Amino acid sequence: MNVTLSPRALMSLLANGPKAMDVLETALTLGLLDALEPGPARLGDLAERFGFRPLRLYKFLDCLESLGVVTREEPDDDIAAARYRAEPGLRDAVAAVVGPDAVERDRDRYPWRVLHGRLAESLRGEVSMTDEDFAWPPRTDEQTAAFERSMAVGLGPVLETLHRHADRLWADRRRLLDVGGGDGTLAARVLDDAPHLRADVYNLPAVAPLVADTRQRCGHPDRLGFVGGDFFAEPLPTGYDALAFVRVLHDWPNDVARRLVEAAYRALEPGGLLLIGEEFRTPDRLAMQFFWSYFLIGVDTCVSRLREVEFYTGLLKEIGFERVAVLPGGWELVTAYKPHTAG
C-alpha cells in the first residue's frame, strides 16, 4: 500500500475509522477482496457477479480506494468499464485483523475504556489502570494465565519466520531453552520442525500448568519440558546449546535487557545459539503496536519498548557474541553464537 496523504486527509480517515473497518470487513465477507486481488476486475462484471447496483458499488470501491488498498482505472468516463485491483496481500491482511483469531480482537478485551476520553488525566497520573485491570508483572496465577494466553495469540509472524529458517537454526542443536516462553506454544511449534530437538520453557512457576496443557495438545509431549524460575532472582539454567528471548526483552529498560543477554551468554554452552525475536522499531511496527502504546499510558510499571534492530545487534557484539545476523521474515530474528572458546 503506497499512498501519501496530507495531514488533513489522514485526520479525516482516522475520524471515520469504524466506518473504514465496516467497509473492509464487508468486502472480505462478501468475497469482493478475493475478486479484486488478482485483478484487474471490471466494475460492471463485479456488479453482475455479486448482484450489486453499479453506482452503489462505485461508491463502495471509492471507499476502498481512499484507504489506499485498491487502485482504479476508469476509461472514457464509463463507470461500468472502470477496472480495479487490490494491493497484494490485502485479503489476508484484512482477515488477520477482523477474523475470529485476530490479535486486535484479543487486545480489545483489555479494559482500555478506562482511559478513553480521559487521556489528559492519565498523562498527569490522575487516572491509571488498577492491579485488577492490568498488573505488570502479573500478581496472581489468573493474571499470569490470561497474559500468557494473550501473548500466544500474537505469535503468528515470529512462528512463520522460525519455520522459514528452521533448517538453518536447528540443524545442529540439541536442547533449546525458551526464556519467558509463555504457555509453550512457540517451543511446541519449533519442535514440529526439529524432530531431534528438545525444548524447555523457562518461566515463573505459575505458568507450569499452561505449558502442561500445551504439552498434552502437541504431537511430541516427551520433548517439551518446563523449568520454573525467575531470571531476576537466579542465573539462567545451563546445559543448553540454544536459548531464545522471544517478545521478552522489549518489556524491560535497556540496562535490564543487557543483563538478560549477559546472563544468556554465561548460561549457553560454547558455540551455543542465542535467538532474539522482537518487533523492531519501524513505521509498520509502530502502527501495529498502537494498542499497547495507548493502553499502557495508564500503567507505570511497564513500557513496551520498540527498539531499532541495531540496539540488539550492537549489544550482542559488545557482550562477545559472534556471527550476529538478522534473518528476514514476518518478524526479523536476530541470531548470534557464543564463541567456542569464550573469553
Foldseek 3Di string as FASTA:
>chain_A
DDDDDDPVLVVVCVVCVVVLLVLLVVCLVQCVLVVAAVDFDFLLVVCVVSVHDSVVVLVSVVSVVSVVFKDWDDPPVDSRGITMHGDPPSSVVSCLCPPPLHLVVLLVPQPLVQCVVPLVCLLVVNGFQDLVRPDVVNDDLVNLLSVLVSVVSPCVFVLFLCLVCLCVPPVPWAEEEEEVCRLCPSVLSSCVSPVRYAYEYEEAPSSQVSVVVVLVVGPCNVRYYYDHDDVVPDADAADGQEYEHAQNLQFDDPVVSLVNVLSVLVRHAAFGKYKYWDAADDPVSCVVCVSVVSRCSRPDNTDRHHHHPCSVQVSCVVSAWPPWDWRDTSTIMTMTTHHNDHD
